[in-house]
Amino acid sequence: MIPPFLRQPNDTKYVRRKPRAHYITKTLLSLVRVISLAISRFYLSEQKGLLQRTPEVLKVWMMLTFLVVVSVVHRVESQLILLAVSLGLSLLSQINFWNIVRQALLYVLLFGLLITLPASLNVFNGGKIIFSLVTFEHPHRWWIYSIPKEIGITREGLEYIVRICLKILNSVSFVLLILSTTGFENVIRGLRSMRIPHFFLLVLTLAYKYIVILSQQLYHSFQAMSLRGWNRTQSDLEKEIAAGRIGFLFRKGWEHYDLTYKAMIARGFTGEFKMVRKNGYKTENYLVGWALFVMMVVVLFFDRHG
């Protein structure tokens, strides 16, 4: 016999809504990007390219030299030349330079454009106005600040913003280029050649490994919960479950990390970095180093006397 409530007609109207990505899905995508970035850099460092064949010690010194030159040159043309140098090295190393620039644009926006944007106005820096924004009847004076009659964007202010943004773009893109063509262990080997203390390198190595391990644990845990009907729960219940799993995930990540450290101890790790000696420098390595050094000298000369 069918119950009466099952024989009643269903008058509920079904409203089709556009599916919305849950915050947990966004978290999973971010974790996948962290893991895939570490894996992609490993494979990029194994490709046959110019920087891949360059010893890591030389690449670290090249990076240091490039960053010093970027910080001391001030002309926009000089910064564009340095950007062209990075582009040329990425092409010779078979690296997609657009991907590197796309990652660097976030730092340019946050630490370059947003911070220096007020410097484009003649309120803070004088200069020739090329675009007027506000015009008053007469100048104003407020405390120690002087507000001119016409407020606008100056050519000198725009040049200052472009120069700062190019400096950040060149610095970040070249560092990402070196990291993309060098494995993490090779970066540590290159830093060791600069007489950096063992303790700092140990903390850096273990922190990098812990981030990757924790990301893997988070991804596997949330993926398992998603397969068990995570998306079919309510939003409040999702937050309650996620809050209850945070401590468990960190504990699991720490256990995995502790096992990794014990495995390092079992294989003879004593806290001191013992770098494996590789073959000596080849002729092309000296040519790459000298070519970059000559280019940096030319850029400095052009910036001072060009």
C-alpha atoms as a PDB file:
ATOM      1  CA  MET A   1       0.000   0.000   0.000  1.00  0.00           C
ATOM      2  CA  ILE A   2       1.357   3.407  -1.017  1.00  0.00           C
ATOM      3  CA  PRO A   3       1.455   5.991   1.797  1.00  0.00           C
ATOM      4  CA  PRO A   4      -0.668   9.122   1.252  1.00  0.00           C
ATOM      5  CA  PHE A   5       2.302  11.503   1.292  1.00  0.00           C
ATOM      6  CA  LEU A   6       3.821   9.678  -1.692  1.00  0.00           C
ATOM      7  CA  ARG A   7       0.651  10.183  -3.744  1.00  0.00           C
ATOM      8  CA  GLN A   8       0.576  13.938  -3.270  1.00  0.00           C
ATOM      9  CA  PRO A   9       1.660  15.964  -6.343  1.00  0.00           C
ATOM     10  CA  ASN A  10       4.962  17.780  -6.159  1.00  0.00           C
ATOM     11  CA  ASP A  11       4.350  21.475  -6.783  1.00  0.00           C
ATOM     12  CA  THR A  12       7.901  22.528  -6.003  1.00  0.00           C
ATOM     13  CA  LYS A  13       9.432  24.446  -8.889  1.00  0.00           C
ATOM     14  CA  TYR A  14      12.948  23.419  -9.793  1.00  0.00           C
ATOM     15  CA  VAL A  15      15.188  26.427 -10.216  1.00  0.00           C
ATOM     16  CA  ARG A  16      18.315  25.690 -12.193  1.00  0.00           C
ATOM     17  CA  ARG A  17      21.248  27.572 -10.767  1.00  0.00           C
ATOM     18  CA  LYS A  18      24.643  28.015 -12.207  1.00  0.00           C
ATOM     19  CA  PRO A  19      27.066  25.677 -10.426  1.00  0.00           C
ATOM     20  CA  ARG A  20      29.394  27.559  -8.155  1.00  0.00           C
ATOM     21  CA  ALA A  21      32.839  26.381  -7.244  1.00  0.00           C
ATOM     22  CA  HIS A  22      33.152  25.681  -3.536  1.00  0.00           C
ATOM     23  CA  TYR A  23      36.024  27.115  -1.573  1.00  0.00           C
ATOM     24  CA  ILE A  24      37.295  23.592  -1.059  1.00  0.00           C
ATOM     25  CA  THR A  25      37.553  23.149  -4.841  1.00  0.00           C
ATOM     26  CA  LYS A  26      39.571  26.343  -5.090  1.00  0.00           C
ATOM     27  CA  THR A  27      41.836  25.061  -2.312  1.00  0.00           C
ATOM     28  CA  LEU A  28      42.391  21.808  -4.176  1.00  0.00           C
ATOM     29  CA  LEU A  29      43.277  23.686  -7.347  1.00  0.00           C
ATOM     30  CA  SER A  30      45.781  25.824  -5.442  1.00  0.00           C
ATOM     31  CA  LEU A  31      47.369  22.725  -3.919  1.00  0.00           C
ATOM     32  CA  VAL A  32      47.605  21.104  -7.328  1.00  0.00           C
ATOM     33  CA  ARG A  33      49.382  24.199  -8.629  1.00  0.00           C
ATOM     34  CA  VAL A  34      51.906  24.058  -5.770  1.00  0.00           C
ATOM     35  CA  ILE A  35      52.698  20.406  -6.435  1.00  0.00           C
ATOM     36  CA  SER A  36      52.711  20.752 -10.213  1.00  0.00           C
ATOM     37  CA  LEU A  37      55.013  23.785  -9.983  1.00  0.00           C
ATOM     38  CA  ALA A  38      57.589  21.800  -8.026  1.00  0.00           C
ATOM     39  CA  ILE A  39      57.340  18.920 -10.507  1.00  0.00           C
ATOM     40  CA  SER A  40      57.444  21.143 -13.590  1.00  0.00           C
ATOM     41  CA  ARG A  41      60.590  22.909 -12.401  1.00  0.00           C
ATOM     42  CA  PHE A  42      62.262  19.538 -11.951  1.00  0.00           C
ATOM     43  CA  TYR A  43      61.485  18.550 -15.539  1.00  0.00           C
ATOM     44  CA  LEU A  44      62.435  21.964 -16.900  1.00  0.00           C
ATOM     45  CA  SER A  45      65.823  21.700 -15.206  1.00  0.00           C
ATOM     46  CA  GLU A  46      66.417  18.386 -17.031  1.00  0.00           C
ATOM     47  CA  GLN A  47      65.828  19.818 -20.506  1.00  0.00           C
ATOM     48  CA  LYS A  48      68.633  20.462 -22.958  1.00  0.00           C
ATOM     49  CA  GLY A  49      69.143  24.203 -22.863  1.00  0.00           C
ATOM     50  CA  LEU A  50      71.804  26.797 -22.279  1.00  0.00           C
ATOM     51  CA  LEU A  51      71.112  27.477 -18.599  1.00  0.00           C
ATOM     52  CA  GLN A  52      70.412  23.794 -17.890  1.00  0.00           C
ATOM     53  CA  ARG A  53      73.982  22.965 -18.952  1.00  0.00           C
ATOM     54  CA  THR A  54      75.411  25.832 -16.900  1.00  0.00           C
ATOM     55  CA  PRO A  55      76.750  24.835 -13.444  1.00  0.00           C
ATOM     56  CA  GLU A  56      74.548  25.900 -10.560  1.00  0.00           C
ATOM     57  CA  VAL A  57      77.351  27.800  -8.856  1.00  0.00           C
ATOM     58  CA  LEU A  58      77.794  29.993 -11.923  1.00  0.00           C
ATOM     59  CA  LYS A  59      74.032  30.508 -12.207  1.00  0.00           C
ATOM     60  CA  VAL A  60      73.787  31.715  -8.623  1.00  0.00           C
ATOM     61  CA  TRP A  61      76.545  34.260  -9.221  1.00  0.00           C
ATOM     62  CA  MET A  62      74.895  35.290 -12.496  1.00  0.00           C
ATOM     63  CA  MET A  63      71.637  35.850 -10.625  1.00  0.00           C
ATOM     64  CA  LEU A  64      73.388  37.930  -7.967  1.00  0.00           C
ATOM     65  CA  THR A  65      75.154  40.040 -10.613  1.00  0.00           C
ATOM     66  CA  PHE A  66      71.929  40.583 -12.548  1.00  0.00           C
ATOM     67  CA  LEU A  67      70.018  41.678  -9.444  1.00  0.00           C
ATOM     68  CA  VAL A  68      72.748  44.156  -8.488  1.00  0.00           C
ATOM     69  CA  VAL A  69      72.738  45.682 -11.971  1.00  0.00           C
ATOM     70  CA  VAL A  70      68.928  45.905 -11.982  1.00  0.00           C
ATOM     71  CA  SER A  71      68.993  47.786  -8.691  1.00  0.00           C
ATOM     72  CA  VAL A  72      71.626  50.352  -9.736  1.00  0.00           C
ATOM     73  CA  VAL A  73      70.456  51.274 -13.253  1.00  0.00           C
ATOM     74  CA  HIS A  74      67.732  53.902 -13.475  1.00  0.00           C
ATOM     75  CA  ARG A  75      66.913  54.536 -17.126  1.00  0.00           C
ATOM     76  CA  VAL A  76      63.881  52.878 -18.669  1.00  0.00           C
ATOM     77  CA  GLU A  77      65.898  51.935 -21.761  1.00  0.00           C
ATOM     78  CA  SER A  78      68.435  50.101 -19.587  1.00  0.00           C
ATOM     79  CA  GLN A  79      65.679  48.118 -17.895  1.00  0.00           C
ATOM     80  CA  LEU A  80      64.270  47.155 -21.301  1.00  0.00           C
ATOM     81  CA  ILE A  81      67.702  45.902 -22.350  1.00  0.00           C
ATOM     82  CA  LEU A  82      67.868  43.748 -19.207  1.00  0.00           C
ATOM     83  CA  LEU A  83      64.413  42.397 -19.980  1.00  0.00           C
ATOM     84  CA  ALA A  84      65.631  41.501 -23.478  1.00  0.00           C
ATOM     85  CA  VAL A  85      68.597  39.672 -21.915  1.00  0.00           C
ATOM     86  CA  SER A  86      66.220  37.558 -19.818  1.00  0.00           C
ATOM     87  CA  LEU A  87      64.103  36.877 -22.907  1.00  0.00           C
ATOM     88  CA  GLY A  88      67.154  35.758 -24.875  1.00  0.00           C
ATOM     89  CA  LEU A  89      68.332  33.433 -22.106  1.00  0.00           C
ATOM     90  CA  SER A  90      64.855  31.890 -21.815  1.00  0.00           C
ATOM     91  CA  LEU A  91      64.745  31.217 -25.570  1.00  0.00           C
ATOM     92  CA  LEU A  92      68.198  29.613 -25.514  1.00  0.00           C
ATOM     93  CA  SER A  93      67.087  27.517 -22.518  1.00  0.00           C
ATOM     94  CA  GLN A  94      63.788  26.448 -24.162  1.00  0.00           C
ATOM     95  CA  ILE A  95      61.722  28.073 -21.411  1.00  0.00           C
ATOM     96  CA  ASN A  96      58.372  29.742 -22.071  1.00  0.00           C
ATOM     97  CA  PHE A  97      59.163  33.303 -21.033  1.00  0.00           C
ATOM     98  CA  TRP A  98      55.498  34.345 -21.065  1.00  0.00           C
ATOM     99  CA  ASN A  99      54.724  31.937 -18.207  1.00  0.00           C
ATOM    100  CA  ILE A 100      57.515  33.500 -16.173  1.00  0.00           C
ATOM    101  CA  VAL A 101      56.314  37.037 -16.918  1.00  0.00           C
ATOM    102  CA  ARG A 102      52.765  36.060 -16.018  1.00  0.00           C
ATOM    103  CA  GLN A 103      53.924  34.881 -12.590  1.00  0.00           C
ATOM    104  CA  ALA A 104      55.984  38.041 -12.109  1.00  0.00           C
ATOM    105  CA  LEU A 105      53.100  40.379 -13.000  1.00  0.00           C
ATOM    106  CA  LEU A 106      51.429  39.704  -9.650  1.00  0.00           C
ATOM    107  CA  TYR A 107      54.498  41.052  -7.802  1.00  0.00           C
ATOM    108  CA  VAL A 108      54.653  43.998 -10.198  1.00  0.00           C
ATOM    109  CA  LEU A 109      51.017  44.851  -9.466  1.00  0.00           C
ATOM    110  CA  LEU A 110      51.249  44.496  -5.676  1.00  0.00           C
ATOM    111  CA  PHE A 111      54.702  45.937  -4.956  1.00  0.00           C
ATOM    112  CA  GLY A 112      55.149  48.204  -7.951  1.00  0.00           C
ATOM    113  CA  LEU A 113      52.032  49.709  -9.464  1.00  0.00           C
ATOM    114  CA  LEU A 114      49.774  49.997  -6.406  1.00  0.00           C
ATOM    115  CA  ILE A 115      52.471  51.465  -4.166  1.00  0.00           C
ATOM    116  CA  THR A 116      53.964  53.939  -6.636  1.00  0.00           C
ATOM    117  CA  LEU A 117      50.718  55.011  -8.323  1.00  0.00           C
ATOM    118  CA  PRO A 118      50.328  58.222  -6.229  1.00  0.00           C
ATOM    119  CA  ALA A 119      53.802  59.293  -7.407  1.00  0.00           C
ATOM    120  CA  SER A 120      52.349  59.964 -10.852  1.00  0.00           C
ATOM    121  CA  LEU A 121      50.484  63.038  -9.514  1.00  0.00           C
ATOM    122  CA  ASN A 122      52.063  66.473  -9.315  1.00  0.00           C
ATOM    123  CA  VAL A 123      50.935  66.692  -5.682  1.00  0.00           C
ATOM    124  CA  PHE A 124      53.902  64.598  -4.574  1.00  0.00           C
ATOM    125  CA  ASN A 125      56.373  65.163  -7.408  1.00  0.00           C
ATOM    126  CA  GLY A 126      56.618  68.118  -9.683  1.00  0.00           C
ATOM    127  CA  GLY A 127      56.711  67.790 -13.434  1.00  0.00           C
ATOM    128  CA  LYS A 128      54.954  68.457 -16.695  1.00  0.00           C
ATOM    129  CA  ILE A 129      51.262  67.533 -16.576  1.00  0.00           C
ATOM    130  CA  ILE A 130      50.173  65.373 -19.498  1.00  0.00           C
ATOM    131  CA  PHE A 131      46.686  64.496 -18.220  1.00  0.00           C
ATOM    132  CA  SER A 132      44.672  66.801 -15.971  1.00  0.00           C
ATOM    133  CA  LEU A 133      42.383  65.286 -13.328  1.00  0.00           C
ATOM    134  CA  VAL A 134      41.113  68.119 -11.074  1.00  0.00           C
ATOM    135  CA  THR A 135      41.278  71.902 -11.418  1.00  0.00           C
ATOM    136  CA  PHE A 136      40.626  74.324  -8.537  1.00  0.00           C
ATOM    137  CA  GLU A 137      40.079  78.085  -8.544  1.00  0.00           C
ATOM    138  CA  HIS A 138      43.331  78.680  -6.660  1.00  0.00           C
ATOM    139  CA  PRO A 139      46.033  76.652  -4.885  1.00  0.00           C
ATOM    140  CA  HIS A 140      45.409  75.378  -1.348  1.00  0.00           C
ATOM    141  CA  ARG A 141      47.619  75.018   1.667  1.00  0.00           C
ATOM    142  CA  TRP A 142      46.908  72.375   4.320  1.00  0.00           C
ATOM    143  CA  TRP A 143      49.337  72.081   7.223  1.00  0.00           C
ATOM    144  CA  ILE A 144      52.704  71.300   5.631  1.00  0.00           C
ATOM    145  CA  TYR A 145      51.210  70.154   2.325  1.00  0.00           C
ATOM    146  CA  SER A 146      50.722  72.349  -0.713  1.00  0.00           C
ATOM    147  CA  ILE A 147      47.947  71.458  -3.151  1.00  0.00           C
ATOM    148  CA  PRO A 148      48.413  73.034  -6.589  1.00  0.00           C
ATOM    149  CA  LYS A 149      45.652  74.620  -8.600  1.00  0.00           C
ATOM    150  CA  GLU A 150      45.692  71.816 -11.166  1.00  0.00           C
ATOM    151  CA  ILE A 151      46.171  68.170 -10.193  1.00  0.00           C
ATOM    152  CA  GLY A 152      47.151  65.746 -12.893  1.00  0.00           C
ATOM    153  CA  ILE A 153      49.439  62.955 -14.019  1.00  0.00           C
ATOM    154  CA  THR A 154      52.954  64.055 -14.897  1.00  0.00           C
ATOM    155  CA  ARG A 155      55.382  62.610 -17.398  1.00  0.00           C
ATOM    156  CA  GLU A 156      58.097  62.345 -14.766  1.00  0.00           C
ATOM    157  CA  GLY A 157      55.732  60.468 -12.453  1.00  0.00           C
ATOM    158  CA  LEU A 158      54.837  57.956 -15.154  1.00  0.00           C
ATOM    159  CA  GLU A 159      58.508  57.412 -15.937  1.00  0.00           C
ATOM    160  CA  TYR A 160      59.163  56.740 -12.254  1.00  0.00           C
ATOM    161  CA  ILE A 161      56.326  54.176 -12.086  1.00  0.00           C
ATOM    162  CA  VAL A 162      57.465  52.434 -15.267  1.00  0.00           C
ATOM    163  CA  ARG A 163      61.043  52.320 -13.994  1.00  0.00           C
ATOM    164  CA  ILE A 164      60.046  50.751 -10.669  1.00  0.00           C
ATOM    165  CA  CYS A 165      57.720  48.239 -12.320  1.00  0.00           C
ATOM    166  CA  LEU A 166      60.427  47.224 -14.797  1.00  0.00           C
ATOM    167  CA  LYS A 167      62.907  46.749 -11.964  1.00  0.00           C
ATOM    168  CA  ILE A 168      60.537  44.425 -10.145  1.00  0.00           C
ATOM    169  CA  LEU A 169      59.659  42.603 -13.375  1.00  0.00           C
ATOM    170  CA  ASN A 170      63.313  42.085 -14.294  1.00  0.00           C
ATOM    171  CA  SER A 171      64.300  40.923 -10.814  1.00  0.00           C
ATOM    172  CA  VAL A 172      61.454  38.462 -10.331  1.00  0.00           C
ATOM    173  CA  SER A 173      61.529  37.110 -13.895  1.00  0.00           C
ATOM    174  CA  PHE A 174      65.277  36.437 -13.832  1.00  0.00           C
ATOM    175  CA  VAL A 175      65.045  34.693 -10.458  1.00  0.00           C
ATOM    176  CA  LEU A 176      62.163  32.553 -11.733  1.00  0.00           C
ATOM    177  CA  LEU A 177      64.172  31.782 -14.866  1.00  0.00           C
ATOM    178  CA  ILE A 178      67.114  30.553 -12.803  1.00  0.00           C
ATOM    179  CA  LEU A 179      64.834  28.508 -10.531  1.00  0.00           C
ATOM    180  CA  SER A 180      63.088  26.988 -13.557  1.00  0.00           C
ATOM    181  CA  THR A 181      66.366  25.763 -15.010  1.00  0.00           C
ATOM    182  CA  THR A 182      67.866  24.588 -11.717  1.00  0.00           C
ATOM    183  CA  GLY A 183      66.659  21.867  -9.378  1.00  0.00           C
ATOM    184  CA  PHE A 184      66.126  22.758  -5.743  1.00  0.00           C
ATOM    185  CA  GLU A 185      69.083  20.688  -4.583  1.00  0.00           C
ATOM    186  CA  ASN A 186      71.261  22.435  -7.175  1.00  0.00           C
ATOM    187  CA  VAL A 187      70.119  25.823  -5.894  1.00  0.00           C
ATOM    188  CA  ILE A 188      71.211  24.771  -2.400  1.00  0.00           C
ATOM    189  CA  ARG A 189      74.566  23.677  -3.837  1.00  0.00           C
ATOM    190  CA  GLY A 190      74.977  27.049  -5.505  1.00  0.00           C
ATOM    191  CA  LEU A 191      74.100  28.903  -2.307  1.00  0.00           C
ATOM    192  CA  ARG A 192      76.610  26.779  -0.422  1.00  0.00           C
ATOM    193  CA  SER A 193      79.357  28.095  -2.712  1.00  0.00           C
ATOM    194  CA  MET A 194      78.588  31.598  -1.417  1.00  0.00           C
ATOM    195  CA  ARG A 195      79.573  30.522   2.122  1.00  0.00           C
ATOM    196  CA  ILE A 196      76.021  30.690   3.453  1.00  0.00           C
ATOM    197  CA  PRO A 197      75.763  29.005   6.906  1.00  0.00           C
ATOM    198  CA  HIS A 198      74.709  25.354   7.029  1.00  0.00           C
ATOM    199  CA  PHE A 199      71.913  26.128   9.489  1.00  0.00           C
ATOM    200  CA  PHE A 200      70.176  28.505   7.073  1.00  0.00           C
ATOM    201  CA  LEU A 201      70.410  26.025   4.206  1.00  0.00           C
ATOM    202  CA  LEU A 202      69.090  23.241   6.437  1.00  0.00           C
ATOM    203  CA  VAL A 203      66.058  25.307   7.469  1.00  0.00           C
ATOM    204  CA  LEU A 204      65.426  26.271   3.846  1.00  0.00           C
ATOM    205  CA  THR A 205      65.622  22.664   2.644  1.00  0.00           C
ATOM    206  CA  LEU A 206      63.375  21.227   5.343  1.00  0.00           C
ATOM    207  CA  ALA A 207      60.831  24.045   4.964  1.00  0.00           C
ATOM    208  CA  TYR A 208      60.604  23.411   1.217  1.00  0.00           C
ATOM    209  CA  LYS A 209      60.127  19.673   1.746  1.00  0.00           C
ATOM    210  CA  TYR A 210      57.496  20.239   4.435  1.00  0.00           C
ATOM    211  CA  ILE A 211      55.465  22.559   2.189  1.00  0.00           C
ATOM    212  CA  VAL A 212      55.393  19.963  -0.589  1.00  0.00           C
ATOM    213  CA  ILE A 213      54.548  17.120   1.821  1.00  0.00           C
ATOM    214  CA  LEU A 214      51.770  19.090   3.539  1.00  0.00           C
ATOM    215  CA  SER A 215      50.304  20.054   0.151  1.00  0.00           C
ATOM    216  CA  GLN A 216      50.203  16.402  -0.875  1.00  0.00           C
ATOM    217  CA  GLN A 217      48.505  15.391   2.388  1.00  0.00           C
ATOM    218  CA  LEU A 218      45.898  18.140   2.038  1.00  0.00           C
ATOM    219  CA  TYR A 219      45.181  17.229  -1.560  1.00  0.00           C
ATOM    220  CA  HIS A 220      44.784  13.504  -0.865  1.00  0.00           C
ATOM    221  CA  SER A 221      42.572  14.095   2.184  1.00  0.00           C
ATOM    222  CA  PHE A 222      40.240  16.593   0.520  1.00  0.00           C
ATOM    223  CA  GLN A 223      40.068  14.495  -2.619  1.00  0.00           C
ATOM    224  CA  ALA A 224      38.970  11.471  -0.582  1.00  0.00           C
ATOM    225  CA  MET A 225      36.316  13.548   1.201  1.00  0.00           C
ATOM    226  CA  SER A 226      35.083  14.892  -2.128  1.00  0.00           C
ATOM    227  CA  LEU A 227      34.673  11.365  -3.486  1.00  0.00           C
ATOM    228  CA  ARG A 228      32.585  10.474  -0.412  1.00  0.00           C
ATOM    229  CA  GLY A 229      29.959  13.109  -1.120  1.00  0.00           C
ATOM    230  CA  TRP A 230      31.610  16.333   0.033  1.00  0.00           C
ATOM    231  CA  ASN A 231      29.826  18.473  -2.561  1.00  0.00           C
ATOM    232  CA  ARG A 232      26.413  17.133  -1.516  1.00  0.00           C
ATOM    233  CA  THR A 233      26.635  18.595   2.001  1.00  0.00           C
ATOM    234  CA  GLN A 234      25.507  21.994   3.166  1.00  0.00           C
ATOM    235  CA  SER A 235      27.838  24.961   3.391  1.00  0.00           C
ATOM    236  CA  ASP A 236      27.749  25.142   7.221  1.00  0.00           C
ATOM    237  CA  LEU A 237      28.509  21.451   7.478  1.00  0.00           C
ATOM    238  CA  GLU A 238      31.384  21.854   5.046  1.00  0.00           C
ATOM    239  CA  LYS A 239      32.986  24.490   7.241  1.00  0.00           C
ATOM    240  CA  GLU A 240      32.503  22.351  10.352  1.00  0.00           C
ATOM    241  CA  ILE A 241      34.110  19.330   8.714  1.00  0.00           C
ATOM    242  CA  ALA A 242      36.978  21.398   7.315  1.00  0.00           C
ATOM    243  CA  ALA A 243      37.692  22.954  10.716  1.00  0.00           C
ATOM    244  CA  GLY A 244      37.750  19.535  12.324  1.00  0.00           C
ATOM    245  CA  ARG A 245      40.174  18.164   9.763  1.00  0.00           C
ATOM    246  CA  ILE A 246      42.777  20.918   9.976  1.00  0.00           C
ATOM    247  CA  GLY A 247      44.506  19.546  13.072  1.00  0.00           C
ATOM    248  CA  PHE A 248      44.431  16.005  11.708  1.00  0.00           C
ATOM    249  CA  LEU A 249      45.966  17.076   8.404  1.00  0.00           C
ATOM    250  CA  PHE A 250      48.777  18.982  10.054  1.00  0.00           C
ATOM    251  CA  ARG A 251      49.489  15.994  12.301  1.00  0.00           C
ATOM    252  CA  LYS A 252      49.593  13.629   9.324  1.00  0.00           C
ATOM    253  CA  GLY A 253      51.804  16.048   7.424  1.00  0.00           C
ATOM    254  CA  TRP A 254      54.152  16.344  10.368  1.00  0.00           C
ATOM    255  CA  GLU A 255      54.356  12.545  10.739  1.00  0.00           C
ATOM    256  CA  HIS A 256      55.231  12.163   7.073  1.00  0.00           C
ATOM    257  CA  TYR A 257      57.760  14.967   7.383  1.00  0.00           C
ATOM    258  CA  ASP A 258      59.264  13.346  10.486  1.00  0.00           C
ATOM    259  CA  LEU A 259      59.603  10.034   8.636  1.00  0.00           C
ATOM    260  CA  THR A 260      61.354  11.848   5.803  1.00  0.00           C
ATOM    261  CA  TYR A 261      63.812  13.409   8.232  1.00  0.00           C
ATOM    262  CA  LYS A 262      64.447  10.042   9.905  1.00  0.00           C
ATOM    263  CA  ALA A 263      65.117   8.536   6.482  1.00  0.00           C
ATOM    264  CA  MET A 264      67.708  11.266   5.905  1.00  0.00           C
ATOM    265  CA  ILE A 265      69.341  10.443   9.243  1.00  0.00           C
ATOM    266  CA  ALA A 266      69.343   6.715   8.394  1.00  0.00           C
ATOM    267  CA  ARG A 267      71.207   7.469   5.183  1.00  0.00           C
ATOM    268  CA  GLY A 268      73.966   9.333   6.977  1.00  0.00           C
ATOM    269  CA  PHE A 269      72.706  12.892   7.194  1.00  0.00           C
ATOM    270  CA  THR A 270      74.445  14.741  10.054  1.00  0.00           C
ATOM    271  CA  GLY A 271      73.180  18.293   9.491  1.00  0.00           C
ATOM    272  CA  GLU A 272      76.116  19.295   7.289  1.00  0.00           C
ATOM    273  CA  PHE A 273      75.785  19.713   3.570  1.00  0.00           C
ATOM    274  CA  LYS A 274      78.310  17.620   1.689  1.00  0.00           C
ATOM    275  CA  MET A 275      78.143  18.654  -1.927  1.00  0.00           C
ATOM    276  CA  VAL A 276      78.928  16.080  -4.567  1.00  0.00           C
ATOM    277  CA  ARG A 277      81.685  17.312  -6.824  1.00  0.00           C
ATOM    278  CA  LYS A 278      80.733  17.390 -10.463  1.00  0.00           C
ATOM    279  CA  ASN A 279      82.828  17.678 -13.562  1.00  0.00           C
ATOM    280  CA  GLY A 280      84.815  20.858 -14.037  1.00  0.00           C
ATOM    281  CA  TYR A 281      83.705  23.871 -15.994  1.00  0.00           C
ATOM    282  CA  LYS A 282      83.594  23.601 -19.749  1.00  0.00           C
ATOM    283  CA  THR A 283      84.501  26.240 -22.296  1.00  0.00           C
ATOM    284  CA  GLU A 284      80.872  27.132 -22.996  1.00  0.00           C
ATOM    285  CA  ASN A 285      80.313  27.757 -19.273  1.00  0.00           C
ATOM    286  CA  TYR A 286      83.064  30.362 -19.218  1.00  0.00           C
ATOM    287  CA  LEU A 287      81.639  31.906 -22.399  1.00  0.00           C
ATOM    288  CA  VAL A 288      78.154  32.200 -20.865  1.00  0.00           C
ATOM    289  CA  GLY A 289      79.521  33.788 -17.693  1.00  0.00           C
ATOM    290  CA  TRP A 290      81.747  36.250 -19.529  1.00  0.00           C
ATOM    291  CA  ALA A 291      79.009  37.120 -22.041  1.00  0.00           C
ATOM    292  CA  LEU A 292      76.579  38.011 -19.262  1.00  0.00           C
ATOM    293  CA  PHE A 293      79.282  39.984 -17.432  1.00  0.00           C
ATOM    294  CA  VAL A 294      80.105  41.978 -20.573  1.00  0.00           C
ATOM    295  CA  MET A 295      76.398  42.681 -21.159  1.00  0.00           C
ATOM    296  CA  MET A 296      76.015  43.936 -17.605  1.00  0.00           C
ATOM    297  CA  VAL A 297      79.022  46.251 -18.046  1.00  0.00           C
ATOM    298  CA  VAL A 298      77.560  47.570 -21.309  1.00  0.00           C
ATOM    299  CA  VAL A 299      74.212  48.224 -19.642  1.00  0.00           C
ATOM    300  CA  LEU A 300      75.895  50.087 -16.790  1.00  0.00           C
ATOM    301  CA  PHE A 301      77.920  52.195 -19.236  1.00  0.00           C
ATOM    302  CA  PHE A 302      74.814  52.933 -21.310  1.00  0.00           C
ATOM    303  CA  ASP A 303      72.855  53.903 -18.206  1.00  0.00           C
ATOM    304  CA  ARG A 304      75.539  56.355 -17.100  1.00  0.00           C
ATOM    305  CA  HIS A 305      76.665  57.842 -20.409  1.00  0.00           C
ATOM    306  CA  GLY A 306      74.029  56.841 -22.969  1.00  0.00           C
END
